[in-house]
């Protein structure tokens, strides 16, 4: 049964209630036993726990660290940064060589 993260947990709970789920009613929690009762929804099809952004540390199926890895993944990895640095060094070296060559011609 899923734990769901949303920026608007109260609205998500209203939508789930509107679809026929029982939410925040004190229904028996058989699988999502750590879910706060006010965030717990149940139906004949299963259970859902709705968490707001500030409640991520309370989740049991996924950790804040796992979310951080995805959200703050580095744009450049070490190999890309090395290639950029190498291209910069080669560019400076070629610039110095061309500068010396033009000075020698004059």
C-alpha atoms as a PDB file:
ATOM      1  CA  UNK A   1       0.000   0.000   0.000  1.00  0.00           C
ATOM      2  CA  UNK A   2       1.436   3.378  -0.937  1.00  0.00           C
ATOM      3  CA  UNK A   3       2.543   6.388   0.997  1.00  0.00           C
ATOM      4  CA  UNK A   4       1.912   9.535  -1.038  1.00  0.00           C
ATOM      5  CA  UNK A   5       3.745  12.878  -0.814  1.00  0.00           C
ATOM      6  CA  UNK A   6       1.946  16.032  -1.858  1.00  0.00           C
ATOM      7  CA  UNK A   7       2.312  19.754  -1.378  1.00  0.00           C
ATOM      8  CA  UNK A   8      -1.410  19.897  -0.580  1.00  0.00           C
ATOM      9  CA  UNK A   9      -2.300  16.929   1.652  1.00  0.00           C
ATOM     10  CA  UNK A  10      -5.682  18.311   2.738  1.00  0.00           C
ATOM     11  CA  UNK A  11      -6.811  18.684  -0.866  1.00  0.00           C
ATOM     12  CA  UNK A  12      -5.533  15.190  -1.701  1.00  0.00           C
ATOM     13  CA  UNK A  13      -7.515  13.790   1.230  1.00  0.00           C
ATOM     14  CA  UNK A  14     -10.653  15.563  -0.024  1.00  0.00           C
ATOM     15  CA  UNK A  15     -10.161  14.067  -3.488  1.00  0.00           C
ATOM     16  CA  UNK A  16      -9.733  10.595  -1.995  1.00  0.00           C
ATOM     17  CA  UNK A  17     -12.850  11.073   0.136  1.00  0.00           C
ATOM     18  CA  UNK A  18     -14.719  12.172  -2.980  1.00  0.00           C
ATOM     19  CA  UNK A  19     -13.740   8.938  -4.696  1.00  0.00           C
ATOM     20  CA  UNK A  20     -15.286   6.905  -1.900  1.00  0.00           C
ATOM     21  CA  UNK A  21     -12.330   6.246   0.384  1.00  0.00           C
ATOM     22  CA  UNK A  22     -12.662   6.632   4.136  1.00  0.00           C
ATOM     23  CA  UNK A  23     -10.043   9.159   5.264  1.00  0.00           C
ATOM     24  CA  UNK A  24      -9.263  10.269   8.803  1.00  0.00           C
ATOM     25  CA  UNK A  25     -12.187   8.314  10.244  1.00  0.00           C
ATOM     26  CA  UNK A  26     -10.225   5.984  12.497  1.00  0.00           C
ATOM     27  CA  UNK A  27     -10.549   2.995  10.158  1.00  0.00           C
ATOM     28  CA  UNK A  28      -8.395  -0.024  11.048  1.00  0.00           C
ATOM     29  CA  UNK A  29      -4.850   0.316   9.727  1.00  0.00           C
ATOM     30  CA  UNK A  30      -3.756  -3.154   8.716  1.00  0.00           C
ATOM     31  CA  UNK A  31      -0.707  -2.392   6.559  1.00  0.00           C
ATOM     32  CA  UNK A  32       0.136   1.293   7.018  1.00  0.00           C
ATOM     33  CA  UNK A  33       0.173   1.066  10.804  1.00  0.00           C
ATOM     34  CA  UNK A  34       2.597   3.993  11.250  1.00  0.00           C
ATOM     35  CA  UNK A  35       0.442   6.393   9.230  1.00  0.00           C
ATOM     36  CA  UNK A  36      -1.001   9.274  11.270  1.00  0.00           C
ATOM     37  CA  UNK A  37      -4.745   8.471  11.614  1.00  0.00           C
ATOM     38  CA  UNK A  38      -5.756  11.866  10.205  1.00  0.00           C
ATOM     39  CA  UNK A  39      -3.722  11.122   7.029  1.00  0.00           C
ATOM     40  CA  UNK A  40      -4.900   7.522   6.612  1.00  0.00           C
ATOM     41  CA  UNK A  41      -7.372   6.476   3.905  1.00  0.00           C
ATOM     42  CA  UNK A  42      -8.930   3.060   3.457  1.00  0.00           C
ATOM     43  CA  UNK A  43     -11.176   1.358   0.931  1.00  0.00           C
ATOM     44  CA  UNK A  44     -12.000  -2.167  -0.150  1.00  0.00           C
ATOM     45  CA  UNK A  45      -9.122  -1.859  -2.656  1.00  0.00           C
ATOM     46  CA  UNK A  46      -6.456  -0.947  -0.093  1.00  0.00           C
ATOM     47  CA  UNK A  47      -4.865   1.724   2.054  1.00  0.00           C
ATOM     48  CA  UNK A  48      -3.158   5.043   1.315  1.00  0.00           C
ATOM     49  CA  UNK A  49      -1.253   7.370   3.615  1.00  0.00           C
ATOM     50  CA  UNK A  50      -1.035  11.005   2.500  1.00  0.00           C
ATOM     51  CA  UNK A  51       1.982  13.014   3.690  1.00  0.00           C
ATOM     52  CA  UNK A  52       2.693  16.705   3.270  1.00  0.00           C
ATOM     53  CA  UNK A  53       6.186  17.952   2.447  1.00  0.00           C
ATOM     54  CA  UNK A  54       6.895  18.737   6.100  1.00  0.00           C
ATOM     55  CA  UNK A  55       5.964  15.169   7.060  1.00  0.00           C
ATOM     56  CA  UNK A  56       8.499  13.380   4.827  1.00  0.00           C
ATOM     57  CA  UNK A  57      10.714  12.389   7.808  1.00  0.00           C
ATOM     58  CA  UNK A  58       7.765  10.432   9.258  1.00  0.00           C
ATOM     59  CA  UNK A  59       7.410   8.220   6.180  1.00  0.00           C
ATOM     60  CA  UNK A  60       8.336   4.552   6.533  1.00  0.00           C
ATOM     61  CA  UNK A  61       8.542   3.376   2.908  1.00  0.00           C
ATOM     62  CA  UNK A  62      11.027   5.973   1.704  1.00  0.00           C
ATOM     63  CA  UNK A  63      13.581   8.063   3.555  1.00  0.00           C
ATOM     64  CA  UNK A  64      14.289  11.775   3.292  1.00  0.00           C
ATOM     65  CA  UNK A  65      17.786  10.818   2.090  1.00  0.00           C
ATOM     66  CA  UNK A  66      16.377   8.839  -0.831  1.00  0.00           C
ATOM     67  CA  UNK A  67      14.249  11.800  -1.834  1.00  0.00           C
ATOM     68  CA  UNK A  68      17.230  14.155  -1.504  1.00  0.00           C
ATOM     69  CA  UNK A  69      19.298  11.966  -3.843  1.00  0.00           C
ATOM     70  CA  UNK A  70      16.712  12.404  -6.572  1.00  0.00           C
ATOM     71  CA  UNK A  71      15.838  16.034  -5.945  1.00  0.00           C
ATOM     72  CA  UNK A  72      19.374  17.357  -5.507  1.00  0.00           C
ATOM     73  CA  UNK A  73      21.155  15.106  -7.986  1.00  0.00           C
ATOM     74  CA  UNK A  74      24.293  16.832  -9.276  1.00  0.00           C
ATOM     75  CA  UNK A  75      23.900  18.453 -12.679  1.00  0.00           C
ATOM     76  CA  UNK A  76      27.497  17.627 -13.595  1.00  0.00           C
ATOM     77  CA  UNK A  77      29.267  14.493 -12.512  1.00  0.00           C
ATOM     78  CA  UNK A  78      33.049  14.311 -11.999  1.00  0.00           C
ATOM     79  CA  UNK A  79      33.746  13.080 -15.534  1.00  0.00           C
ATOM     80  CA  UNK A  80      31.921  15.991 -17.153  1.00  0.00           C
ATOM     81  CA  UNK A  81      33.686  18.509 -14.907  1.00  0.00           C
ATOM     82  CA  UNK A  82      37.057  16.945 -15.760  1.00  0.00           C
ATOM     83  CA  UNK A  83      36.337  17.171 -19.498  1.00  0.00           C
ATOM     84  CA  UNK A  84      35.320  20.826 -19.161  1.00  0.00           C
ATOM     85  CA  UNK A  85      38.517  21.562 -17.220  1.00  0.00           C
ATOM     86  CA  UNK A  86      40.623  19.668 -19.780  1.00  0.00           C
ATOM     87  CA  UNK A  87      39.040  21.598 -22.664  1.00  0.00           C
ATOM     88  CA  UNK A  88      39.744  24.864 -20.847  1.00  0.00           C
ATOM     89  CA  UNK A  89      43.413  23.958 -20.290  1.00  0.00           C
ATOM     90  CA  UNK A  90      43.846  22.899 -23.925  1.00  0.00           C
ATOM     91  CA  UNK A  91      42.183  26.132 -25.074  1.00  0.00           C
ATOM     92  CA  UNK A  92      44.544  28.252 -22.967  1.00  0.00           C
ATOM     93  CA  UNK A  93      47.555  26.276 -24.234  1.00  0.00           C
ATOM     94  CA  UNK A  94      46.524  26.774 -27.874  1.00  0.00           C
ATOM     95  CA  UNK A  95      45.928  30.468 -27.192  1.00  0.00           C
ATOM     96  CA  UNK A  96      49.446  30.860 -25.756  1.00  0.00           C
ATOM     97  CA  UNK A  97      50.993  29.060 -28.747  1.00  0.00           C
ATOM     98  CA  UNK A  98      49.100  31.215 -31.248  1.00  0.00           C
ATOM     99  CA  UNK A  99      50.045  34.357 -29.344  1.00  0.00           C
ATOM    100  CA  UNK A 100      53.750  33.465 -29.490  1.00  0.00           C
ATOM    101  CA  UNK A 101      53.533  32.578 -33.167  1.00  0.00           C
ATOM    102  CA  UNK A 102      51.983  35.947 -34.095  1.00  0.00           C
ATOM    103  CA  UNK A 103      54.603  37.828 -32.013  1.00  0.00           C
ATOM    104  CA  UNK A 104      57.440  36.005 -33.822  1.00  0.00           C
ATOM    105  CA  UNK A 105      56.046  37.022 -37.254  1.00  0.00           C
ATOM    106  CA  UNK A 106      56.125  40.735 -36.494  1.00  0.00           C
END
